[in-house]
């Protein structure tokens, strides 16, 4: 049962954000500094909050989900560090501060991303080692880790990134655009929600409904970002705008225009809310989050 607000989950997460970073030798301290720089720069923390909330939605405890919530944020942050580099999107601002490579250089930024990715896997596996005498708990943790890794991997986020890169300066079909958005953005959100549900020992019906919610929320999140890149306030967003058009990116506004993109955002937001309508108050956090994300445009 969910009894916390989004901000309460976020505060809990922030208190433990650095807990699962391995001890790094002083001789490699620049690596730690670079990882910490991007991790603590802020952010909405949507993925870890969704993971913890899904865990409690299904009967688990958010505190027990923290290693996995931190792991998915480590992975997300590594992806942002690499995305921002000159060989990818070449961004100089992220979360209102200079991007990692602007502060530490390309080589250190690359290694910081690598370090965060491996730290994520280590955090989850270290937690699993505590449950060798509890097969059901261990099984739920293995399944949760799989959901996270799958969402971030070569059939998820990384697949979407390569498709996104190769679609630059080309005419993009609707099918390819949907594929890019689902894999690049939605799959990590799906992975967060499904991982939390696994940790909470979800029923099959709960898992299915949460997955439908996450699919629609993930797509809505990316459509919203596409729109904000066209007409958002750079100071409020904490990152450069107009970047998609400048780099001939495949986006919803580029393919459909702003009005149709906003209509699509509303449809996806409503579909996300409808997926959990039968759970009433227990789903309020998920419903309000969907509206909060859409409200950045409306």
C-alpha atoms as a PDB file:
ATOM      1  CA  UNK A   1       0.000   0.000   0.000  1.00  0.00           C
ATOM      2  CA  UNK A   2       1.374   3.398  -1.006  1.00  0.00           C
ATOM      3  CA  UNK A   3       1.294   5.826   1.904  1.00  0.00           C
ATOM      4  CA  UNK A   4       4.055   8.252   0.831  1.00  0.00           C
ATOM      5  CA  UNK A   5       4.085  11.186  -1.541  1.00  0.00           C
ATOM      6  CA  UNK A   6       6.443  11.564  -4.472  1.00  0.00           C
ATOM      7  CA  UNK A   7       8.548  14.028  -2.496  1.00  0.00           C
ATOM      8  CA  UNK A   8       8.760  11.652   0.479  1.00  0.00           C
ATOM      9  CA  UNK A   9      10.037   8.861  -1.754  1.00  0.00           C
ATOM     10  CA  UNK A  10      12.500  11.251  -3.351  1.00  0.00           C
ATOM     11  CA  UNK A  11      13.828  12.400   0.031  1.00  0.00           C
ATOM     12  CA  UNK A  12      14.286   8.796   1.138  1.00  0.00           C
ATOM     13  CA  UNK A  13      16.148   8.052  -2.071  1.00  0.00           C
ATOM     14  CA  UNK A  14      18.370  11.142  -1.835  1.00  0.00           C
ATOM     15  CA  UNK A  15      19.417  10.172   1.710  1.00  0.00           C
ATOM     16  CA  UNK A  16      20.865   6.920   0.358  1.00  0.00           C
ATOM     17  CA  UNK A  17      21.973   7.984  -3.128  1.00  0.00           C
ATOM     18  CA  UNK A  18      25.693   7.473  -2.508  1.00  0.00           C
ATOM     19  CA  UNK A  19      25.372   4.472  -0.164  1.00  0.00           C
ATOM     20  CA  UNK A  20      25.908   1.871  -2.861  1.00  0.00           C
ATOM     21  CA  UNK A  21      28.895   3.418  -4.644  1.00  0.00           C
ATOM     22  CA  UNK A  22      31.852   1.101  -3.890  1.00  0.00           C
ATOM     23  CA  UNK A  23      34.791   2.462  -1.911  1.00  0.00           C
ATOM     24  CA  UNK A  24      37.221   3.885  -4.449  1.00  0.00           C
ATOM     25  CA  UNK A  25      40.946   4.016  -3.767  1.00  0.00           C
ATOM     26  CA  UNK A  26      42.391   7.478  -3.240  1.00  0.00           C
ATOM     27  CA  UNK A  27      44.631   6.903  -6.259  1.00  0.00           C
ATOM     28  CA  UNK A  28      41.461   6.815  -8.388  1.00  0.00           C
ATOM     29  CA  UNK A  29      39.590   9.558  -6.542  1.00  0.00           C
ATOM     30  CA  UNK A  30      38.971  11.590  -9.706  1.00  0.00           C
ATOM     31  CA  UNK A  31      36.708   8.778 -10.832  1.00  0.00           C
ATOM     32  CA  UNK A  32      34.650   9.075  -7.631  1.00  0.00           C
ATOM     33  CA  UNK A  33      34.513  12.869  -7.905  1.00  0.00           C
ATOM     34  CA  UNK A  34      33.273  12.723 -11.485  1.00  0.00           C
ATOM     35  CA  UNK A  35      30.634  10.087 -10.695  1.00  0.00           C
ATOM     36  CA  UNK A  36      29.451  12.042  -7.675  1.00  0.00           C
ATOM     37  CA  UNK A  37      29.332  15.300  -9.644  1.00  0.00           C
ATOM     38  CA  UNK A  38      26.687  14.009 -12.019  1.00  0.00           C
ATOM     39  CA  UNK A  39      24.796  11.903  -9.480  1.00  0.00           C
ATOM     40  CA  UNK A  40      24.267  14.788  -7.086  1.00  0.00           C
ATOM     41  CA  UNK A  41      23.517  17.456  -9.698  1.00  0.00           C
ATOM     42  CA  UNK A  42      19.783  17.026  -9.130  1.00  0.00           C
ATOM     43  CA  UNK A  43      17.107  15.613 -11.399  1.00  0.00           C
ATOM     44  CA  UNK A  44      13.516  14.527 -11.049  1.00  0.00           C
ATOM     45  CA  UNK A  45      14.443  11.023  -9.756  1.00  0.00           C
ATOM     46  CA  UNK A  46      11.392   9.600 -11.517  1.00  0.00           C
ATOM     47  CA  UNK A  47      12.808   6.123 -12.100  1.00  0.00           C
ATOM     48  CA  UNK A  48      13.878   5.395  -8.502  1.00  0.00           C
ATOM     49  CA  UNK A  49      10.648   6.847  -7.119  1.00  0.00           C
ATOM     50  CA  UNK A  50       8.589   4.717  -9.504  1.00  0.00           C
ATOM     51  CA  UNK A  51      10.571   1.646  -8.476  1.00  0.00           C
ATOM     52  CA  UNK A  52      10.055   2.207  -4.751  1.00  0.00           C
ATOM     53  CA  UNK A  53       6.395   3.151  -5.192  1.00  0.00           C
ATOM     54  CA  UNK A  54       5.703   0.056  -7.312  1.00  0.00           C
ATOM     55  CA  UNK A  55       7.339  -2.077  -4.630  1.00  0.00           C
ATOM     56  CA  UNK A  56       5.047  -0.683  -1.928  1.00  0.00           C
ATOM     57  CA  UNK A  57       2.040  -0.756  -4.273  1.00  0.00           C
ATOM     58  CA  UNK A  58       2.517  -4.522  -4.428  1.00  0.00           C
ATOM     59  CA  UNK A  59       3.069  -4.976  -0.692  1.00  0.00           C
ATOM     60  CA  UNK A  60       6.828  -4.557  -0.266  1.00  0.00           C
ATOM     61  CA  UNK A  61       8.937  -2.007   1.584  1.00  0.00           C
ATOM     62  CA  UNK A  62      10.651   0.921  -0.108  1.00  0.00           C
ATOM     63  CA  UNK A  63      13.692   0.650   2.151  1.00  0.00           C
ATOM     64  CA  UNK A  64      14.400  -2.866   0.886  1.00  0.00           C
ATOM     65  CA  UNK A  65      14.171  -1.617  -2.694  1.00  0.00           C
ATOM     66  CA  UNK A  66      16.831   1.091  -2.229  1.00  0.00           C
ATOM     67  CA  UNK A  67      19.758  -0.845  -3.779  1.00  0.00           C
ATOM     68  CA  UNK A  68      17.715  -1.286  -6.958  1.00  0.00           C
ATOM     69  CA  UNK A  69      16.380   2.291  -6.920  1.00  0.00           C
ATOM     70  CA  UNK A  70      19.948   3.571  -6.658  1.00  0.00           C
ATOM     71  CA  UNK A  71      21.108   1.136  -9.330  1.00  0.00           C
ATOM     72  CA  UNK A  72      18.625   2.400 -11.879  1.00  0.00           C
ATOM     73  CA  UNK A  73      19.584   6.011 -11.141  1.00  0.00           C
ATOM     74  CA  UNK A  74      23.269   5.120 -11.532  1.00  0.00           C
ATOM     75  CA  UNK A  75      22.475   3.615 -14.932  1.00  0.00           C
ATOM     76  CA  UNK A  76      20.344   6.586 -15.946  1.00  0.00           C
ATOM     77  CA  UNK A  77      23.077   9.024 -14.914  1.00  0.00           C
ATOM     78  CA  UNK A  78      25.753   7.092 -16.803  1.00  0.00           C
ATOM     79  CA  UNK A  79      23.585   7.284 -19.915  1.00  0.00           C
ATOM     80  CA  UNK A  80      23.231  11.059 -19.532  1.00  0.00           C
ATOM     81  CA  UNK A  81      26.987  11.537 -19.126  1.00  0.00           C
ATOM     82  CA  UNK A  82      27.630   9.596 -22.324  1.00  0.00           C
ATOM     83  CA  UNK A  83      24.713  11.227 -24.192  1.00  0.00           C
ATOM     84  CA  UNK A  84      26.083  14.687 -23.484  1.00  0.00           C
ATOM     85  CA  UNK A  85      29.528  14.011 -24.915  1.00  0.00           C
ATOM     86  CA  UNK A  86      30.708  15.514 -28.232  1.00  0.00           C
ATOM     87  CA  UNK A  87      30.509  12.162 -30.015  1.00  0.00           C
ATOM     88  CA  UNK A  88      26.803  11.915 -29.114  1.00  0.00           C
ATOM     89  CA  UNK A  89      24.559  14.957 -28.480  1.00  0.00           C
ATOM     90  CA  UNK A  90      27.365  17.403 -27.625  1.00  0.00           C
ATOM     91  CA  UNK A  91      25.545  19.205 -24.793  1.00  0.00           C
ATOM     92  CA  UNK A  92      27.234  21.671 -22.450  1.00  0.00           C
ATOM     93  CA  UNK A  93      24.473  21.955 -19.825  1.00  0.00           C
ATOM     94  CA  UNK A  94      22.630  19.300 -17.829  1.00  0.00           C
ATOM     95  CA  UNK A  95      20.401  19.852 -14.778  1.00  0.00           C
ATOM     96  CA  UNK A  96      21.453  23.483 -14.728  1.00  0.00           C
ATOM     97  CA  UNK A  97      25.200  22.838 -14.421  1.00  0.00           C
ATOM     98  CA  UNK A  98      27.997  22.131 -16.929  1.00  0.00           C
ATOM     99  CA  UNK A  99      27.942  18.596 -18.267  1.00  0.00           C
ATOM    100  CA  UNK A 100      30.438  16.088 -16.914  1.00  0.00           C
ATOM    101  CA  UNK A 101      32.839  16.213 -19.846  1.00  0.00           C
ATOM    102  CA  UNK A 102      32.907  20.017 -19.701  1.00  0.00           C
ATOM    103  CA  UNK A 103      34.248  19.789 -16.140  1.00  0.00           C
ATOM    104  CA  UNK A 104      36.377  16.628 -16.225  1.00  0.00           C
ATOM    105  CA  UNK A 105      37.133  16.101 -19.914  1.00  0.00           C
ATOM    106  CA  UNK A 106      36.017  13.399 -22.332  1.00  0.00           C
ATOM    107  CA  UNK A 107      38.206  10.592 -20.981  1.00  0.00           C
ATOM    108  CA  UNK A 108      37.186  10.975 -17.334  1.00  0.00           C
ATOM    109  CA  UNK A 109      33.510  11.437 -18.287  1.00  0.00           C
ATOM    110  CA  UNK A 110      33.604   8.211 -20.295  1.00  0.00           C
ATOM    111  CA  UNK A 111      35.099   6.341 -17.351  1.00  0.00           C
ATOM    112  CA  UNK A 112      32.641   7.926 -14.892  1.00  0.00           C
ATOM    113  CA  UNK A 113      29.796   6.569 -17.003  1.00  0.00           C
ATOM    114  CA  UNK A 114      31.442   3.157 -17.112  1.00  0.00           C
ATOM    115  CA  UNK A 115      31.949   3.292 -13.345  1.00  0.00           C
ATOM    116  CA  UNK A 116      28.329   4.141 -12.638  1.00  0.00           C
ATOM    117  CA  UNK A 117      27.116   1.297 -14.815  1.00  0.00           C
ATOM    118  CA  UNK A 118      29.276  -1.272 -13.035  1.00  0.00           C
ATOM    119  CA  UNK A 119      28.380   0.229  -9.631  1.00  0.00           C
ATOM    120  CA  UNK A 120      24.716  -0.374 -10.443  1.00  0.00           C
ATOM    121  CA  UNK A 121      25.287  -4.069 -11.080  1.00  0.00           C
ATOM    122  CA  UNK A 122      27.455  -4.371  -7.991  1.00  0.00           C
ATOM    123  CA  UNK A 123      24.780  -2.742  -5.804  1.00  0.00           C
ATOM    124  CA  UNK A 124      22.122  -5.213  -6.923  1.00  0.00           C
ATOM    125  CA  UNK A 125      24.331  -8.279  -6.707  1.00  0.00           C
ATOM    126  CA  UNK A 126      25.675  -7.319  -3.298  1.00  0.00           C
ATOM    127  CA  UNK A 127      22.082  -7.121  -2.069  1.00  0.00           C
ATOM    128  CA  UNK A 128      21.320 -10.562  -3.494  1.00  0.00           C
ATOM    129  CA  UNK A 129      24.169 -12.063  -1.467  1.00  0.00           C
ATOM    130  CA  UNK A 130      22.178 -11.295   1.681  1.00  0.00           C
ATOM    131  CA  UNK A 131      19.307 -13.581   0.691  1.00  0.00           C
ATOM    132  CA  UNK A 132      20.876 -16.954  -0.061  1.00  0.00           C
ATOM    133  CA  UNK A 133      18.874 -18.469   2.814  1.00  0.00           C
ATOM    134  CA  UNK A 134      15.568 -17.021   1.554  1.00  0.00           C
ATOM    135  CA  UNK A 135      14.841 -18.407  -1.885  1.00  0.00           C
ATOM    136  CA  UNK A 136      11.640 -16.412  -2.526  1.00  0.00           C
ATOM    137  CA  UNK A 137      13.305 -13.100  -1.617  1.00  0.00           C
ATOM    138  CA  UNK A 138      16.361 -13.974  -3.690  1.00  0.00           C
ATOM    139  CA  UNK A 139      14.212 -14.908  -6.674  1.00  0.00           C
ATOM    140  CA  UNK A 140      12.337 -11.599  -6.547  1.00  0.00           C
ATOM    141  CA  UNK A 141      15.652  -9.716  -6.481  1.00  0.00           C
ATOM    142  CA  UNK A 142      17.058 -11.653  -9.424  1.00  0.00           C
ATOM    143  CA  UNK A 143      13.901 -10.871 -11.379  1.00  0.00           C
ATOM    144  CA  UNK A 144      14.076  -7.185 -10.393  1.00  0.00           C
ATOM    145  CA  UNK A 145      17.688  -6.910 -11.517  1.00  0.00           C
ATOM    146  CA  UNK A 146      16.814  -8.567 -14.816  1.00  0.00           C
ATOM    147  CA  UNK A 147      14.031  -6.025 -15.448  1.00  0.00           C
ATOM    148  CA  UNK A 148      16.463  -3.147 -14.869  1.00  0.00           C
ATOM    149  CA  UNK A 149      19.279  -4.578 -16.980  1.00  0.00           C
ATOM    150  CA  UNK A 150      16.915  -5.516 -19.806  1.00  0.00           C
ATOM    151  CA  UNK A 151      15.420  -2.025 -19.913  1.00  0.00           C
ATOM    152  CA  UNK A 152      18.885  -0.488 -20.083  1.00  0.00           C
ATOM    153  CA  UNK A 153      20.491  -2.955 -22.451  1.00  0.00           C
ATOM    154  CA  UNK A 154      20.901  -3.813 -26.110  1.00  0.00           C
ATOM    155  CA  UNK A 155      17.188  -4.451 -26.622  1.00  0.00           C
ATOM    156  CA  UNK A 156      16.246  -1.408 -24.521  1.00  0.00           C
ATOM    157  CA  UNK A 157      17.909   1.957 -23.955  1.00  0.00           C
ATOM    158  CA  UNK A 158      21.115   1.226 -25.874  1.00  0.00           C
ATOM    159  CA  UNK A 159      19.123  -0.058 -28.853  1.00  0.00           C
ATOM    160  CA  UNK A 160      17.090   3.148 -28.842  1.00  0.00           C
ATOM    161  CA  UNK A 161      20.202   5.259 -28.679  1.00  0.00           C
ATOM    162  CA  UNK A 162      21.813   3.660 -31.726  1.00  0.00           C
ATOM    163  CA  UNK A 163      18.560   3.963 -33.675  1.00  0.00           C
ATOM    164  CA  UNK A 164      18.341   7.611 -32.614  1.00  0.00           C
ATOM    165  CA  UNK A 165      21.902   8.332 -33.751  1.00  0.00           C
ATOM    166  CA  UNK A 166      21.398   6.638 -37.109  1.00  0.00           C
ATOM    167  CA  UNK A 167      18.083   8.459 -37.706  1.00  0.00           C
ATOM    168  CA  UNK A 168      19.736  11.889 -37.602  1.00  0.00           C
ATOM    169  CA  UNK A 169      19.447  13.867 -40.857  1.00  0.00           C
ATOM    170  CA  UNK A 170      17.128  11.225 -42.322  1.00  0.00           C
ATOM    171  CA  UNK A 171      13.407  11.030 -42.988  1.00  0.00           C
ATOM    172  CA  UNK A 172      11.993   9.056 -40.072  1.00  0.00           C
ATOM    173  CA  UNK A 173       8.915   6.829 -40.328  1.00  0.00           C
ATOM    174  CA  UNK A 174       6.250   6.665 -37.610  1.00  0.00           C
ATOM    175  CA  UNK A 175       7.273   3.089 -36.839  1.00  0.00           C
ATOM    176  CA  UNK A 176      10.932   4.014 -36.390  1.00  0.00           C
ATOM    177  CA  UNK A 177      10.064   7.041 -34.253  1.00  0.00           C
ATOM    178  CA  UNK A 178       7.926   4.885 -31.942  1.00  0.00           C
ATOM    179  CA  UNK A 179      10.708   2.304 -31.740  1.00  0.00           C
ATOM    180  CA  UNK A 180      13.265   4.964 -30.775  1.00  0.00           C
ATOM    181  CA  UNK A 181      11.049   6.455 -28.072  1.00  0.00           C
ATOM    182  CA  UNK A 182       9.950   3.107 -26.642  1.00  0.00           C
ATOM    183  CA  UNK A 183      13.444   1.680 -26.400  1.00  0.00           C
ATOM    184  CA  UNK A 184      15.448   4.824 -25.617  1.00  0.00           C
ATOM    185  CA  UNK A 185      13.141   6.194 -22.909  1.00  0.00           C
ATOM    186  CA  UNK A 186      10.116   4.043 -22.102  1.00  0.00           C
ATOM    187  CA  UNK A 187      11.986   0.770 -21.558  1.00  0.00           C
ATOM    188  CA  UNK A 188      13.944   2.176 -18.613  1.00  0.00           C
ATOM    189  CA  UNK A 189      10.721   3.443 -17.026  1.00  0.00           C
ATOM    190  CA  UNK A 190       9.088   0.073 -17.658  1.00  0.00           C
ATOM    191  CA  UNK A 191      12.121  -1.603 -16.119  1.00  0.00           C
ATOM    192  CA  UNK A 192      11.885   0.589 -13.015  1.00  0.00           C
ATOM    193  CA  UNK A 193       8.191  -0.141 -12.474  1.00  0.00           C
ATOM    194  CA  UNK A 194       8.464  -3.861 -13.162  1.00  0.00           C
ATOM    195  CA  UNK A 195      11.552  -4.169 -10.941  1.00  0.00           C
ATOM    196  CA  UNK A 196       9.691  -2.533  -8.063  1.00  0.00           C
ATOM    197  CA  UNK A 197       6.691  -4.757  -8.636  1.00  0.00           C
ATOM    198  CA  UNK A 198       8.917  -7.846  -8.576  1.00  0.00           C
ATOM    199  CA  UNK A 199      10.481  -6.737  -5.294  1.00  0.00           C
ATOM    200  CA  UNK A 200       6.996  -6.316  -3.836  1.00  0.00           C
ATOM    201  CA  UNK A 201       5.987  -9.857  -4.869  1.00  0.00           C
ATOM    202  CA  UNK A 202       3.345  -8.617  -7.298  1.00  0.00           C
ATOM    203  CA  UNK A 203       0.464 -10.620  -8.686  1.00  0.00           C
ATOM    204  CA  UNK A 204       0.320 -11.287 -12.429  1.00  0.00           C
ATOM    205  CA  UNK A 205      -2.537  -8.795 -12.765  1.00  0.00           C
ATOM    206  CA  UNK A 206      -0.656  -6.074 -10.877  1.00  0.00           C
ATOM    207  CA  UNK A 207       2.421  -6.610 -13.038  1.00  0.00           C
ATOM    208  CA  UNK A 208       0.414  -6.394 -16.250  1.00  0.00           C
ATOM    209  CA  UNK A 209      -1.440  -3.226 -15.247  1.00  0.00           C
ATOM    210  CA  UNK A 210       1.711  -1.527 -13.990  1.00  0.00           C
ATOM    211  CA  UNK A 211       3.472  -2.422 -17.236  1.00  0.00           C
ATOM    212  CA  UNK A 212       0.732  -0.837 -19.349  1.00  0.00           C
ATOM    213  CA  UNK A 213       0.943   2.247 -17.155  1.00  0.00           C
ATOM    214  CA  UNK A 214       4.718   2.432 -17.526  1.00  0.00           C
ATOM    215  CA  UNK A 215       4.634   1.959 -21.306  1.00  0.00           C
ATOM    216  CA  UNK A 216       2.293   4.899 -21.742  1.00  0.00           C
ATOM    217  CA  UNK A 217       4.060   7.035 -19.152  1.00  0.00           C
ATOM    218  CA  UNK A 218       7.436   6.371 -20.753  1.00  0.00           C
ATOM    219  CA  UNK A 219       6.239   7.417 -24.187  1.00  0.00           C
ATOM    220  CA  UNK A 220       4.473  10.464 -22.731  1.00  0.00           C
ATOM    221  CA  UNK A 221       7.690  11.446 -20.962  1.00  0.00           C
ATOM    222  CA  UNK A 222       9.648  11.472 -24.231  1.00  0.00           C
ATOM    223  CA  UNK A 223       6.930  13.234 -26.225  1.00  0.00           C
ATOM    224  CA  UNK A 224       6.852  15.892 -23.510  1.00  0.00           C
ATOM    225  CA  UNK A 225      10.631  16.310 -23.685  1.00  0.00           C
ATOM    226  CA  UNK A 226      10.435  16.613 -27.474  1.00  0.00           C
ATOM    227  CA  UNK A 227       7.869  19.393 -27.156  1.00  0.00           C
ATOM    228  CA  UNK A 228       9.842  21.217 -24.458  1.00  0.00           C
ATOM    229  CA  UNK A 229      12.952  21.174 -26.632  1.00  0.00           C
ATOM    230  CA  UNK A 230      10.972  23.292 -29.099  1.00  0.00           C
ATOM    231  CA  UNK A 231       9.125  25.684 -26.801  1.00  0.00           C
ATOM    232  CA  UNK A 232      10.468  25.126 -23.270  1.00  0.00           C
ATOM    233  CA  UNK A 233      12.329  27.587 -21.047  1.00  0.00           C
ATOM    234  CA  UNK A 234      16.038  26.693 -20.932  1.00  0.00           C
ATOM    235  CA  UNK A 235      16.447  28.183 -17.459  1.00  0.00           C
ATOM    236  CA  UNK A 236      13.594  26.099 -16.057  1.00  0.00           C
ATOM    237  CA  UNK A 237      14.665  22.934 -17.858  1.00  0.00           C
ATOM    238  CA  UNK A 238      18.317  23.243 -16.855  1.00  0.00           C
ATOM    239  CA  UNK A 239      19.502  22.237 -20.326  1.00  0.00           C
ATOM    240  CA  UNK A 240      19.796  23.715 -23.788  1.00  0.00           C
ATOM    241  CA  UNK A 241      16.687  23.883 -25.982  1.00  0.00           C
ATOM    242  CA  UNK A 242      16.456  23.771 -29.750  1.00  0.00           C
ATOM    243  CA  UNK A 243      19.013  20.989 -29.750  1.00  0.00           C
ATOM    244  CA  UNK A 244      16.820  18.419 -31.515  1.00  0.00           C
ATOM    245  CA  UNK A 245      16.179  20.592 -34.542  1.00  0.00           C
ATOM    246  CA  UNK A 246      19.802  21.712 -34.699  1.00  0.00           C
ATOM    247  CA  UNK A 247      20.904  18.078 -34.836  1.00  0.00           C
ATOM    248  CA  UNK A 248      18.054  16.929 -37.117  1.00  0.00           C
ATOM    249  CA  UNK A 249      16.784  14.506 -34.466  1.00  0.00           C
ATOM    250  CA  UNK A 250      13.809  12.213 -34.973  1.00  0.00           C
ATOM    251  CA  UNK A 251      11.108  13.694 -32.708  1.00  0.00           C
ATOM    252  CA  UNK A 252       7.329  13.877 -32.526  1.00  0.00           C
ATOM    253  CA  UNK A 253       7.205  17.620 -33.308  1.00  0.00           C
ATOM    254  CA  UNK A 254       9.483  17.090 -36.303  1.00  0.00           C
ATOM    255  CA  UNK A 255       7.236  14.383 -37.709  1.00  0.00           C
ATOM    256  CA  UNK A 256       3.766  15.491 -36.571  1.00  0.00           C
ATOM    257  CA  UNK A 257       4.047  19.151 -35.552  1.00  0.00           C
ATOM    258  CA  UNK A 258       3.447  20.658 -32.116  1.00  0.00           C
ATOM    259  CA  UNK A 259      -0.363  20.485 -32.048  1.00  0.00           C
ATOM    260  CA  UNK A 260      -0.487  16.785 -32.899  1.00  0.00           C
ATOM    261  CA  UNK A 261       2.353  16.097 -30.478  1.00  0.00           C
ATOM    262  CA  UNK A 262       0.421  17.749 -27.651  1.00  0.00           C
ATOM    263  CA  UNK A 263      -2.639  15.722 -28.566  1.00  0.00           C
ATOM    264  CA  UNK A 264      -0.510  12.550 -28.453  1.00  0.00           C
ATOM    265  CA  UNK A 265       0.842  13.550 -25.043  1.00  0.00           C
ATOM    266  CA  UNK A 266      -2.697  13.907 -23.674  1.00  0.00           C
ATOM    267  CA  UNK A 267      -3.743  10.519 -25.103  1.00  0.00           C
ATOM    268  CA  UNK A 268      -0.730   8.754 -23.587  1.00  0.00           C
ATOM    269  CA  UNK A 269      -1.226  10.449 -20.218  1.00  0.00           C
ATOM    270  CA  UNK A 270      -4.884   9.428 -20.099  1.00  0.00           C
ATOM    271  CA  UNK A 271      -4.006   5.857 -21.106  1.00  0.00           C
ATOM    272  CA  UNK A 272      -1.421   5.656 -18.308  1.00  0.00           C
ATOM    273  CA  UNK A 273      -3.983   6.811 -15.737  1.00  0.00           C
ATOM    274  CA  UNK A 274      -6.648   4.459 -17.056  1.00  0.00           C
ATOM    275  CA  UNK A 275      -4.353   1.436 -16.695  1.00  0.00           C
ATOM    276  CA  UNK A 276      -4.479   1.812 -12.898  1.00  0.00           C
ATOM    277  CA  UNK A 277      -7.984   3.235 -12.497  1.00  0.00           C
ATOM    278  CA  UNK A 278      -9.274   0.136 -10.693  1.00  0.00           C
ATOM    279  CA  UNK A 279      -6.840   0.656  -7.820  1.00  0.00           C
ATOM    280  CA  UNK A 280      -8.271   4.060  -6.836  1.00  0.00           C
ATOM    281  CA  UNK A 281      -6.380   5.723  -3.956  1.00  0.00           C
ATOM    282  CA  UNK A 282      -3.527   3.201  -3.972  1.00  0.00           C
ATOM    283  CA  UNK A 283      -2.633   4.399  -7.472  1.00  0.00           C
ATOM    284  CA  UNK A 284      -2.902   8.128  -6.716  1.00  0.00           C
ATOM    285  CA  UNK A 285       0.867   8.678  -6.807  1.00  0.00           C
ATOM    286  CA  UNK A 286       1.124   7.116 -10.271  1.00  0.00           C
ATOM    287  CA  UNK A 287      -1.840   9.113 -11.569  1.00  0.00           C
ATOM    288  CA  UNK A 288      -0.597  12.418 -10.178  1.00  0.00           C
ATOM    289  CA  UNK A 289       2.899  11.774 -11.573  1.00  0.00           C
ATOM    290  CA  UNK A 290       1.494  11.272 -15.069  1.00  0.00           C
ATOM    291  CA  UNK A 291      -0.371  14.572 -14.817  1.00  0.00           C
ATOM    292  CA  UNK A 292       2.638  16.345 -13.309  1.00  0.00           C
ATOM    293  CA  UNK A 293       4.808  15.365 -16.270  1.00  0.00           C
ATOM    294  CA  UNK A 294       2.183  16.431 -18.803  1.00  0.00           C
ATOM    295  CA  UNK A 295       1.652  19.743 -16.995  1.00  0.00           C
ATOM    296  CA  UNK A 296       5.139  20.838 -18.018  1.00  0.00           C
ATOM    297  CA  UNK A 297       3.625  21.397 -21.469  1.00  0.00           C
ATOM    298  CA  UNK A 298      -0.022  22.300 -20.744  1.00  0.00           C
END
